[in-house]
PDB file of N, CA and C in Angstrom:
ATOM      1  N   MET A   1     142.688 158.737   0.574  1.00  0.00           N
ATOM      2  CA  MET A   1     143.634 157.709   0.917  1.00  0.00           C
ATOM      3  C   MET A   1     142.940 156.603   1.702  1.00  0.00           C
ATOM      4  N   ALA A   2     141.630 156.429   1.473  1.00  0.00           N
ATOM      5  CA  ALA A   2     140.869 155.471   2.254  1.00  0.00           C
ATOM      6  C   ALA A   2     140.550 154.214   1.457  1.00  0.00           C
ATOM      7  N   LEU A   3     140.689 153.073   2.090  1.00  0.00           N
ATOM      8  CA  LEU A   3     140.264 151.811   1.516  1.00  0.00           C
ATOM      9  C   LEU A   3     138.827 151.576   1.932  1.00  0.00           C
ATOM     10  N   ASN A   4     138.020 151.071   1.010  1.00  0.00           N
ATOM     11  CA  ASN A   4     136.622 150.836   1.314  1.00  0.00           C
ATOM     12  C   ASN A   4     136.279 149.368   1.095  1.00  0.00           C
ATOM     13  N   PRO A   5     136.376 148.514   2.129  1.00  0.00           N
ATOM     14  CA  PRO A   5     136.152 147.077   1.971  1.00  0.00           C
ATOM     15  C   PRO A   5     134.681 146.697   1.840  1.00  0.00           C
ATOM     16  N   MET A   6     133.750 147.627   1.943  1.00  0.00           N
ATOM     17  CA  MET A   6     132.333 147.303   1.845  1.00  0.00           C
ATOM     18  C   MET A   6     131.892 147.096   0.400  1.00  0.00           C
ATOM     19  N   GLU A   7     132.690 147.512  -0.558  1.00  0.00           N
ATOM     20  CA  GLU A   7     132.371 147.345  -1.957  1.00  0.00           C
ATOM     21  C   GLU A   7     133.024 146.068  -2.472  1.00  0.00           C
ATOM     22  N   PRO A   8     132.528 145.513  -3.600  1.00  0.00           N
ATOM     23  CA  PRO A   8     133.117 144.293  -4.137  1.00  0.00           C
ATOM     24  C   PRO A   8     134.546 144.503  -4.639  1.00  0.00           C
ATOM     25  N   LYS A   9     134.943 145.711  -4.796  1.00  0.00           N
ATOM     26  CA  LYS A   9     136.310 146.050  -5.166  1.00  0.00           C
ATOM     27  C   LYS A   9     136.886 146.887  -4.030  1.00  0.00           C
ATOM     28  N   TRP A  10     138.164 147.101  -4.063  1.00  0.00           N
ATOM     29  CA  TRP A  10     138.784 148.006  -3.096  1.00  0.00           C
ATOM     30  C   TRP A  10     139.000 149.345  -3.770  1.00  0.00           C
ATOM     31  N   SER A  11     138.689 150.399  -3.061  1.00  0.00           N
ATOM     32  CA  SER A  11     138.921 151.750  -3.557  1.00  0.00           C
ATOM     33  C   SER A  11     140.033 152.379  -2.734  1.00  0.00           C
ATOM     34  N   LEU A  12     140.907 153.049  -3.423  1.00  0.00           N
ATOM     35  CA  LEU A  12     142.010 153.739  -2.773  1.00  0.00           C
ATOM     36  C   LEU A  12     142.054 155.155  -3.319  1.00  0.00           C
ATOM     37  N   ARG A  13     141.975 156.131  -2.450  1.00  0.00           N
ATOM     38  CA  ARG A  13     142.123 157.527  -2.869  1.00  0.00           C
ATOM     39  C   ARG A  13     143.566 157.923  -2.613  1.00  0.00           C
ATOM     40  N   LEU A  14     144.234 158.332  -3.682  1.00  0.00           N
ATOM     41  CA  LEU A  14     145.625 158.753  -3.541  1.00  0.00           C
ATOM     42  C   LEU A  14     145.705 160.040  -2.731  1.00  0.00           C
ATOM     43  N   PRO A  15     146.782 160.218  -1.981  1.00  0.00           N
ATOM     44  CA  PRO A  15     146.959 161.459  -1.216  1.00  0.00           C
ATOM     45  C   PRO A  15     147.286 162.625  -2.143  1.00  0.00           C
ATOM     46  N   ALA A  16     147.244 163.823  -1.610  1.00  0.00           N
ATOM     47  CA  ALA A  16     147.534 165.027  -2.387  1.00  0.00           C
ATOM     48  C   ALA A  16     148.968 165.030  -2.917  1.00  0.00           C
ATOM     49  N   ASP A  17     149.904 164.569  -2.122  1.00  0.00           N
ATOM     50  CA  ASP A  17     151.308 164.573  -2.525  1.00  0.00           C
ATOM     51  C   ASP A  17     151.717 163.200  -3.040  1.00  0.00           C
ATOM     52  N   CYS A  18     151.902 163.115  -4.344  1.00  0.00           N
ATOM     53  CA  CYS A  18     152.380 161.886  -4.981  1.00  0.00           C
ATOM     54  C   CYS A  18     153.721 162.143  -5.678  1.00  0.00           C
ATOM     55  N   SER A  19     154.432 163.127  -5.180  1.00  0.00           N
ATOM     56  CA  SER A  19     155.741 163.464  -5.755  1.00  0.00           C
ATOM     57  C   SER A  19     156.796 162.491  -5.242  1.00  0.00           C
ATOM     58  N   ILE A  20     157.999 162.634  -5.753  1.00  0.00           N
ATOM     59  CA  ILE A  20     159.084 161.747  -5.346  1.00  0.00           C
ATOM     60  C   ILE A  20     159.309 161.768  -3.836  1.00  0.00           C
ATOM     61  N   ALA A  21     159.044 162.905  -3.204  1.00  0.00           N
ATOM     62  CA  ALA A  21     159.237 163.012  -1.749  1.00  0.00           C
ATOM     63  C   ALA A  21     158.285 162.102  -0.972  1.00  0.00           C
ATOM     64  N   ALA A  22     157.132 161.790  -1.543  1.00  0.00           N
ATOM     65  CA  ALA A  22     156.124 160.996  -0.836  1.00  0.00           C
ATOM     66  C   ALA A  22     155.845 159.650  -1.497  1.00  0.00           C
ATOM     67  N   ILE A  23     156.569 159.328  -2.560  1.00  0.00           N
ATOM     68  CA  ILE A  23     156.202 158.161  -3.366  1.00  0.00           C
ATOM     69  C   ILE A  23     156.327 156.843  -2.608  1.00  0.00           C
ATOM     70  N   ARG A  24     157.219 156.744  -1.658  1.00  0.00           N
ATOM     71  CA  ARG A  24     157.362 155.495  -0.888  1.00  0.00           C
ATOM     72  C   ARG A  24     156.070 155.188  -0.139  1.00  0.00           C
ATOM     73  N   ASN A  25     155.489 156.215   0.487  1.00  0.00           N
ATOM     74  CA  ASN A  25     154.219 156.011   1.198  1.00  0.00           C
ATOM     75  C   ASN A  25     153.086 155.674   0.237  1.00  0.00           C
ATOM     76  N   VAL A  26     153.071 156.328  -0.926  1.00  0.00           N
ATOM     77  CA  VAL A  26     152.048 156.037  -1.935  1.00  0.00           C
ATOM     78  C   VAL A  26     152.194 154.595  -2.421  1.00  0.00           C
ATOM     79  N   TYR A  27     153.425 154.179  -2.660  1.00  0.00           N
ATOM     80  CA  TYR A  27     153.697 152.799  -3.071  1.00  0.00           C
ATOM     81  C   TYR A  27     153.157 151.813  -2.034  1.00  0.00           C
ATOM     82  N   GLU A  28     153.417 152.073  -0.763  1.00  0.00           N
ATOM     83  CA  GLU A  28     152.948 151.175   0.300  1.00  0.00           C
ATOM     84  C   GLU A  28     151.416 151.116   0.341  1.00  0.00           C
ATOM     85  N   LEU A  29     150.754 152.251   0.155  1.00  0.00           N
ATOM     86  CA  LEU A  29     149.284 152.265   0.119  1.00  0.00           C
ATOM     87  C   LEU A  29     148.754 151.410  -1.027  1.00  0.00           C
ATOM     88  N   ILE A  30     149.345 151.573  -2.195  1.00  0.00           N
ATOM     89  CA  ILE A  30     148.912 150.803  -3.359  1.00  0.00           C
ATOM     90  C   ILE A  30     149.210 149.325  -3.167  1.00  0.00           C
ATOM     91  N   ARG A  31     150.377 149.018  -2.674  1.00  0.00           N
ATOM     92  CA  ARG A  31     150.759 147.618  -2.444  1.00  0.00           C
ATOM     93  C   ARG A  31     149.808 146.930  -1.472  1.00  0.00           C
ATOM     94  N   GLU A  32     149.486 147.619  -0.398  1.00  0.00           N
ATOM     95  CA  GLU A  32     148.556 147.054   0.589  1.00  0.00           C
ATOM     96  C   GLU A  32     147.174 146.836  -0.016  1.00  0.00           C
ATOM     97  N   ALA A  33     146.677 147.824  -0.721  1.00  0.00           N
ATOM     98  CA  ALA A  33     145.350 147.712  -1.334  1.00  0.00           C
ATOM     99  C   ALA A  33     145.337 146.645  -2.424  1.00  0.00           C
ATOM    100  N   PHE A  34     146.377 146.566  -3.211  1.00  0.00           N
ATOM    101  CA  PHE A  34     146.457 145.593  -4.295  1.00  0.00           C
ATOM    102  C   PHE A  34     146.470 144.171  -3.757  1.00  0.00           C
ATOM    103  N   GLY A  35     147.057 143.987  -2.612  1.00  0.00           N
ATOM    104  CA  GLY A  35     147.140 142.655  -2.023  1.00  0.00           C
ATOM    105  C   GLY A  35     145.859 142.170  -1.375  1.00  0.00           C
ATOM    106  N   ARG A  36     144.877 143.029  -1.209  1.00  0.00           N
ATOM    107  CA  ARG A  36     143.662 142.670  -0.480  1.00  0.00           C
ATOM    108  C   ARG A  36     142.538 142.105  -1.338  1.00  0.00           C
ATOM    109  N   GLN A  37     142.465 142.493  -2.577  1.00  0.00           N
ATOM    110  CA  GLN A  37     141.297 142.156  -3.380  1.00  0.00           C
ATOM    111  C   GLN A  37     141.700 141.917  -4.824  1.00  0.00           C
ATOM    112  N   GLU A  38     140.820 141.266  -5.560  1.00  0.00           N
ATOM    113  CA  GLU A  38     141.072 140.986  -6.968  1.00  0.00           C
ATOM    114  C   GLU A  38     141.019 142.238  -7.827  1.00  0.00           C
ATOM    115  N   ARG A  39     140.163 143.177  -7.477  1.00  0.00           N
ATOM    116  CA  ARG A  39     139.992 144.386  -8.279  1.00  0.00           C
ATOM    117  C   ARG A  39     140.315 145.606  -7.414  1.00  0.00           C
ATOM    118  N   LEU A  40     141.056 146.539  -8.008  1.00  0.00           N
ATOM    119  CA  LEU A  40     141.432 147.744  -7.283  1.00  0.00           C
ATOM    120  C   LEU A  40     141.062 148.958  -8.107  1.00  0.00           C
ATOM    121  N   GLU A  41     140.371 149.888  -7.480  1.00  0.00           N
ATOM    122  CA  GLU A  41     140.037 151.161  -8.101  1.00  0.00           C
ATOM    123  C   GLU A  41     140.827 152.246  -7.381  1.00  0.00           C
ATOM    124  N   ILE A  42     141.571 153.033  -8.141  1.00  0.00           N
ATOM    125  CA  ILE A  42     142.409 154.081  -7.561  1.00  0.00           C
ATOM    126  C   ILE A  42     141.851 155.440  -7.968  1.00  0.00           C
ATOM    127  N   ASP A  43     141.408 156.194  -6.978  1.00  0.00           N
ATOM    128  CA  ASP A  43     140.856 157.533  -7.184  1.00  0.00           C
ATOM    129  C   ASP A  43     142.009 158.539  -7.172  1.00  0.00           C
ATOM    130  N   CYS A  44     142.180 159.223  -8.287  1.00  0.00           N
ATOM    131  CA  CYS A  44     143.297 160.164  -8.451  1.00  0.00           C
ATOM    132  C   CYS A  44     142.867 161.618  -8.321  1.00  0.00           C
ATOM    133  N   SER A  45     141.674 161.861  -7.819  1.00  0.00           N
ATOM    134  CA  SER A  45     141.118 163.213  -7.792  1.00  0.00           C
ATOM    135  C   SER A  45     141.801 164.166  -6.816  1.00  0.00           C
ATOM    136  N   SER A  46     142.439 163.650  -5.793  1.00  0.00           N
ATOM    137  CA  SER A  46     143.042 164.510  -4.765  1.00  0.00           C
ATOM    138  C   SER A  46     144.502 164.862  -5.029  1.00  0.00           C
ATOM    139  N   VAL A  47     145.068 164.328  -6.085  1.00  0.00           N
ATOM    140  CA  VAL A  47     146.493 164.527  -6.351  1.00  0.00           C
ATOM    141  C   VAL A  47     146.763 165.982  -6.737  1.00  0.00           C
ATOM    142  N   ASP A  48     147.550 166.669  -5.905  1.00  0.00           N
ATOM    143  CA  ASP A  48     147.951 168.055  -6.166  1.00  0.00           C
ATOM    144  C   ASP A  48     149.399 168.149  -6.629  1.00  0.00           C
ATOM    145  N   LYS A  49     150.228 167.215  -6.147  1.00  0.00           N
ATOM    146  CA  LYS A  49     151.644 167.208  -6.512  1.00  0.00           C
ATOM    147  C   LYS A  49     151.961 165.852  -7.130  1.00  0.00           C
ATOM    148  N   ALA A  50     152.434 165.893  -8.363  1.00  0.00           N
ATOM    149  CA  ALA A  50     152.795 164.659  -9.053  1.00  0.00           C
ATOM    150  C   ALA A  50     154.021 164.929  -9.907  1.00  0.00           C
ATOM    151  N   ASP A  51     154.768 163.881 -10.155  1.00  0.00           N
ATOM    152  CA  ASP A  51     155.926 163.976 -11.041  1.00  0.00           C
ATOM    153  C   ASP A  51     156.077 162.631 -11.739  1.00  0.00           C
ATOM    154  N   VAL A  52     157.160 162.445 -12.433  1.00  0.00           N
ATOM    155  CA  VAL A  52     157.328 161.227 -13.221  1.00  0.00           C
ATOM    156  C   VAL A  52     157.332 159.967 -12.352  1.00  0.00           C
ATOM    157  N   THR A  53     157.728 160.070 -11.097  1.00  0.00           N
ATOM    158  CA  THR A  53     157.708 158.879 -10.241  1.00  0.00           C
ATOM    159  C   THR A  53     156.278 158.395 -10.003  1.00  0.00           C
ATOM    160  N   SER A  54     155.337 159.307  -9.850  1.00  0.00           N
ATOM    161  CA  SER A  54     153.943 158.894  -9.662  1.00  0.00           C
ATOM    162  C   SER A  54     153.395 158.277 -10.942  1.00  0.00           C
ATOM    163  N   ILE A  55     153.786 158.802 -12.095  1.00  0.00           N
ATOM    164  CA  ILE A  55     153.359 158.234 -13.372  1.00  0.00           C
ATOM    165  C   ILE A  55     153.915 156.817 -13.511  1.00  0.00           C
ATOM    166  N   GLN A  56     155.184 156.636 -13.181  1.00  0.00           N
ATOM    167  CA  GLN A  56     155.796 155.312 -13.251  1.00  0.00           C
ATOM    168  C   GLN A  56     155.090 154.329 -12.330  1.00  0.00           C
ATOM    169  N   LEU A  57     154.760 154.750 -11.116  1.00  0.00           N
ATOM    170  CA  LEU A  57     154.100 153.873 -10.162  1.00  0.00           C
ATOM    171  C   LEU A  57     152.706 153.473 -10.658  1.00  0.00           C
ATOM    172  N   LEU A  58     151.937 154.424 -11.163  1.00  0.00           N
ATOM    173  CA  LEU A  58     150.594 154.106 -11.655  1.00  0.00           C
ATOM    174  C   LEU A  58     150.648 153.204 -12.888  1.00  0.00           C
ATOM    175  N   LEU A  59     151.582 153.457 -13.773  1.00  0.00           N
ATOM    176  CA  LEU A  59     151.730 152.631 -14.964  1.00  0.00           C
ATOM    177  C   LEU A  59     152.154 151.215 -14.581  1.00  0.00           C
ATOM    178  N   SER A  60     153.093 151.103 -13.674  1.00  0.00           N
ATOM    179  CA  SER A  60     153.536 149.793 -13.200  1.00  0.00           C
ATOM    180  C   SER A  60     152.404 149.036 -12.514  1.00  0.00           C
ATOM    181  N   THR A  61     151.622 149.733 -11.711  1.00  0.00           N
ATOM    182  CA  THR A  61     150.492 149.100 -11.025  1.00  0.00           C
ATOM    183  C   THR A  61     149.481 148.577 -12.032  1.00  0.00           C
ATOM    184  N   ALA A  62     149.151 149.376 -13.035  1.00  0.00           N
ATOM    185  CA  ALA A  62     148.194 148.960 -14.058  1.00  0.00           C
ATOM    186  C   ALA A  62     148.713 147.752 -14.837  1.00  0.00           C
ATOM    187  N   LYS A  63     149.979 147.776 -15.208  1.00  0.00           N
ATOM    188  CA  LYS A  63     150.562 146.670 -15.977  1.00  0.00           C
ATOM    189  C   LYS A  63     150.681 145.402 -15.128  1.00  0.00           C
ATOM    190  N   THR A  64     151.018 145.537 -13.866  1.00  0.00           N
ATOM    191  CA  THR A  64     151.081 144.383 -12.974  1.00  0.00           C
ATOM    192  C   THR A  64     149.697 143.765 -12.816  1.00  0.00           C
ATOM    193  N   GLY A  65     148.691 144.597 -12.615  1.00  0.00           N
ATOM    194  CA  GLY A  65     147.324 144.098 -12.510  1.00  0.00           C
ATOM    195  C   GLY A  65     146.896 143.367 -13.762  1.00  0.00           C
ATOM    196  N   GLU A  66     147.219 143.940 -14.911  1.00  0.00           N
ATOM    197  CA  GLU A  66     146.862 143.304 -16.186  1.00  0.00           C
ATOM    198  C   GLU A  66     147.559 141.950 -16.326  1.00  0.00           C
ATOM    199  N   ALA A  67     148.835 141.898 -16.006  1.00  0.00           N
ATOM    200  CA  ALA A  67     149.607 140.659 -16.121  1.00  0.00           C
ATOM    201  C   ALA A  67     149.091 139.572 -15.190  1.00  0.00           C
ATOM    202  N   GLN A  68     148.557 139.971 -14.038  1.00  0.00           N
ATOM    203  CA  GLN A  68     148.058 139.013 -13.053  1.00  0.00           C
ATOM    204  C   GLN A  68     146.557 138.746 -13.190  1.00  0.00           C
ATOM    205  N   GLY A  69     145.920 139.375 -14.167  1.00  0.00           N
ATOM    206  CA  GLY A  69     144.480 139.201 -14.338  1.00  0.00           C
ATOM    207  C   GLY A  69     143.683 139.829 -13.210  1.00  0.00           C
ATOM    208  N   ARG A  70     144.246 140.861 -12.607  1.00  0.00           N
ATOM    209  CA  ARG A  70     143.607 141.558 -11.492  1.00  0.00           C
ATOM    210  C   ARG A  70     143.380 143.002 -11.917  1.00  0.00           C
ATOM    211  N   PRO A  71     142.157 143.351 -12.274  1.00  0.00           N
ATOM    212  CA  PRO A  71     141.893 144.690 -12.805  1.00  0.00           C
ATOM    213  C   PRO A  71     142.290 145.818 -11.851  1.00  0.00           C
ATOM    214  N   VAL A  72     142.958 146.798 -12.408  1.00  0.00           N
ATOM    215  CA  VAL A  72     143.274 148.042 -11.716  1.00  0.00           C
ATOM    216  C   VAL A  72     142.686 149.142 -12.586  1.00  0.00           C
ATOM    217  N   VAL A  73     141.809 149.944 -11.993  1.00  0.00           N
ATOM    218  CA  VAL A  73     141.155 151.012 -12.729  1.00  0.00           C
ATOM    219  C   VAL A  73     141.439 152.329 -12.027  1.00  0.00           C
ATOM    220  N   LEU A  74     141.809 153.334 -12.813  1.00  0.00           N
ATOM    221  CA  LEU A  74     142.076 154.670 -12.276  1.00  0.00           C
ATOM    222  C   LEU A  74     140.857 155.545 -12.522  1.00  0.00           C
ATOM    223  N   THR A  75     140.505 156.358 -11.540  1.00  0.00           N
ATOM    224  CA  THR A  75     139.342 157.224 -11.688  1.00  0.00           C
ATOM    225  C   THR A  75     139.706 158.662 -11.369  1.00  0.00           C
ATOM    226  N   SER A  76     138.982 159.562 -11.959  1.00  0.00           N
ATOM    227  CA  SER A  76     139.008 160.987 -11.603  1.00  0.00           C
ATOM    228  C   SER A  76     140.406 161.589 -11.550  1.00  0.00           C
ATOM    229  N   PHE A  77     141.097 161.600 -12.677  1.00  0.00           N
ATOM    230  CA  PHE A  77     142.423 162.217 -12.724  1.00  0.00           C
ATOM    231  C   PHE A  77     142.302 163.700 -12.385  1.00  0.00           C
ATOM    232  N   SER A  78     143.070 164.164 -11.422  1.00  0.00           N
ATOM    233  CA  SER A  78     143.101 165.597 -11.104  1.00  0.00           C
ATOM    234  C   SER A  78     143.779 166.344 -12.253  1.00  0.00           C
ATOM    235  N   GLN A  79     143.555 167.640 -12.316  1.00  0.00           N
ATOM    236  CA  GLN A  79     144.203 168.443 -13.358  1.00  0.00           C
ATOM    237  C   GLN A  79     145.712 168.415 -13.203  1.00  0.00           C
ATOM    238  N   SER A  80     146.181 168.417 -11.980  1.00  0.00           N
ATOM    239  CA  SER A  80     147.624 168.354 -11.725  1.00  0.00           C
ATOM    240  C   SER A  80     148.219 167.062 -12.290  1.00  0.00           C
ATOM    241  N   LEU A  81     147.535 165.943 -12.071  1.00  0.00           N
ATOM    242  CA  LEU A  81     148.022 164.671 -12.578  1.00  0.00           C
ATOM    243  C   LEU A  81     147.959 164.652 -14.109  1.00  0.00           C
ATOM    244  N   ARG A  82     146.905 165.191 -14.692  1.00  0.00           N
ATOM    245  CA  ARG A  82     146.808 165.269 -16.161  1.00  0.00           C
ATOM    246  C   ARG A  82     147.954 166.112 -16.732  1.00  0.00           C
ATOM    247  N   ASN A  83     148.254 167.231 -16.087  1.00  0.00           N
ATOM    248  CA  ASN A  83     149.360 168.075 -16.550  1.00  0.00           C
ATOM    249  C   ASN A  83     150.684 167.324 -16.487  1.00  0.00           C
ATOM    250  N   THR A  84     150.884 166.561 -15.420  1.00  0.00           N
ATOM    251  CA  THR A  84     152.107 165.778 -15.274  1.00  0.00           C
ATOM    252  C   THR A  84     152.185 164.707 -16.358  1.00  0.00           C
ATOM    253  N   LEU A  85     151.062 164.065 -16.652  1.00  0.00           N
ATOM    254  CA  LEU A  85     151.035 163.063 -17.723  1.00  0.00           C
ATOM    255  C   LEU A  85     151.440 163.688 -19.057  1.00  0.00           C
ATOM    256  N   ARG A  86     150.927 164.842 -19.333  1.00  0.00           N
ATOM    257  CA  ARG A  86     151.271 165.518 -20.596  1.00  0.00           C
ATOM    258  C   ARG A  86     152.758 165.887 -20.636  1.00  0.00           C
ATOM    259  N   ARG A  87     153.277 166.397 -19.528  1.00  0.00           N
ATOM    260  CA  ARG A  87     154.702 166.750 -19.478  1.00  0.00           C
ATOM    261  C   ARG A  87     155.585 165.511 -19.623  1.00  0.00           C
ATOM    262  N   ALA A  88     155.063 164.351 -19.196  1.00  0.00           N
ATOM    263  CA  ALA A  88     155.823 163.104 -19.274  1.00  0.00           C
ATOM    264  C   ALA A  88     155.735 162.453 -20.659  1.00  0.00           C
ATOM    265  N   GLY A  89     154.978 163.069 -21.575  1.00  0.00           N
ATOM    266  CA  GLY A  89     154.930 162.552 -22.936  1.00  0.00           C
ATOM    267  C   GLY A  89     153.615 161.935 -23.357  1.00  0.00           C
ATOM    268  N   PHE A  90     152.655 161.879 -22.469  1.00  0.00           N
ATOM    269  CA  PHE A  90     151.323 161.373 -22.808  1.00  0.00           C
ATOM    270  C   PHE A  90     150.523 162.568 -23.323  1.00  0.00           C
ATOM    271  N   ALA A  91     150.740 162.904 -24.585  1.00  0.00           N
ATOM    272  CA  ALA A  91     150.280 164.171 -25.147  1.00  0.00           C
ATOM    273  C   ALA A  91     148.790 164.254 -25.423  1.00  0.00           C
ATOM    274  N   SER A  92     148.116 163.127 -25.532  1.00  0.00           N
ATOM    275  CA  SER A  92     146.691 163.172 -25.871  1.00  0.00           C
ATOM    276  C   SER A  92     145.888 162.296 -24.924  1.00  0.00           C
ATOM    277  N   GLU A  93     144.590 162.558 -24.876  1.00  0.00           N
ATOM    278  CA  GLU A  93     143.695 161.727 -24.063  1.00  0.00           C
ATOM    279  C   GLU A  93     143.736 160.278 -24.534  1.00  0.00           C
ATOM    280  N   ALA A  94     143.825 160.076 -25.854  1.00  0.00           N
ATOM    281  CA  ALA A  94     143.869 158.718 -26.401  1.00  0.00           C
ATOM    282  C   ALA A  94     145.104 157.974 -25.896  1.00  0.00           C
ATOM    283  N   LEU A  95     146.223 158.653 -25.835  1.00  0.00           N
ATOM    284  CA  LEU A  95     147.447 158.032 -25.342  1.00  0.00           C
ATOM    285  C   LEU A  95     147.338 157.720 -23.851  1.00  0.00           C
ATOM    286  N   ILE A  96     146.753 158.620 -23.097  1.00  0.00           N
ATOM    287  CA  ILE A  96     146.525 158.375 -21.673  1.00  0.00           C
ATOM    288  C   ILE A  96     145.606 157.172 -21.505  1.00  0.00           C
ATOM    289  N   ASP A  97     144.500 157.145 -22.257  1.00  0.00           N
ATOM    290  CA  ASP A  97     143.545 156.031 -22.173  1.00  0.00           C
ATOM    291  C   ASP A  97     144.198 154.707 -22.551  1.00  0.00           C
ATOM    292  N   GLN A  98     145.103 154.725 -23.491  1.00  0.00           N
ATOM    293  CA  GLN A  98     145.767 153.508 -23.948  1.00  0.00           C
ATOM    294  C   GLN A  98     146.615 152.879 -22.846  1.00  0.00           C
ATOM    295  N   HIS A  99     147.268 153.693 -22.040  1.00  0.00           N
ATOM    296  CA  HIS A  99     148.208 153.186 -21.043  1.00  0.00           C
ATOM    297  C   HIS A  99     147.662 153.110 -19.622  1.00  0.00           C
ATOM    298  N   PHE A 100     146.616 153.865 -19.339  1.00  0.00           N
ATOM    299  CA  PHE A 100     146.071 153.902 -17.990  1.00  0.00           C
ATOM    300  C   PHE A 100     144.597 153.522 -18.043  1.00  0.00           C
ATOM    301  N   PRO A 101     144.229 152.316 -17.590  1.00  0.00           N
ATOM    302  CA  PRO A 101     142.821 151.923 -17.609  1.00  0.00           C
ATOM    303  C   PRO A 101     142.027 152.839 -16.687  1.00  0.00           C
ATOM    304  N   GLN A 102     140.975 153.449 -17.235  1.00  0.00           N
ATOM    305  CA  GLN A 102     140.225 154.440 -16.479  1.00  0.00           C
ATOM    306  C   GLN A 102     138.744 154.100 -16.459  1.00  0.00           C
ATOM    307  N   LYS A 103     138.115 154.538 -15.412  1.00  0.00           N
ATOM    308  CA  LYS A 103     136.666 154.484 -15.287  1.00  0.00           C
ATOM    309  C   LYS A 103     136.192 155.916 -15.415  1.00  0.00           C
ATOM    310  N   LYS A 104     135.337 156.143 -16.404  1.00  0.00           N
ATOM    311  CA  LYS A 104     134.855 157.499 -16.639  1.00  0.00           C
ATOM    312  C   LYS A 104     133.334 157.506 -16.582  1.00  0.00           C
ATOM    313  N   ASP A 105     132.785 158.508 -15.932  1.00  0.00           N
ATOM    314  CA  ASP A 105     131.329 158.670 -15.859  1.00  0.00           C
ATOM    315  C   ASP A 105     130.623 157.408 -15.389  1.00  0.00           C
ATOM    316  N   GLY A 106     131.172 156.765 -14.358  1.00  0.00           N
ATOM    317  CA  GLY A 106     130.533 155.601 -13.768  1.00  0.00           C
ATOM    318  C   GLY A 106     130.683 154.312 -14.562  1.00  0.00           C
ATOM    319  N   ILE A 107     131.455 154.351 -15.652  1.00  0.00           N
ATOM    320  CA  ILE A 107     131.618 153.155 -16.495  1.00  0.00           C
ATOM    321  C   ILE A 107     132.973 152.541 -16.263  1.00  0.00           C
TER     322      ILE A 107
END
């Protein structure tokens, strides 16, 4: 959940709980980070609890960034988040890649 201003982009590590119970705080973290820099990288590796609200927030963030010409890249999807994506209807990696811009293997 740390912002790293020393890099040319801002990095945000999502907290472990991204469920509906904690989504307001997650939204505020993303909003603050998104407002600071042109490019935002969101590390999803620590997410242990996720539900459809977290999927909606990440999808909205990615689409807002795209619409504003401000790249938002998601990195390191946790297994919990991947399982939630599949339960929400993103049945394949290709479908996930299509809707969620990701950085994989340093690219």
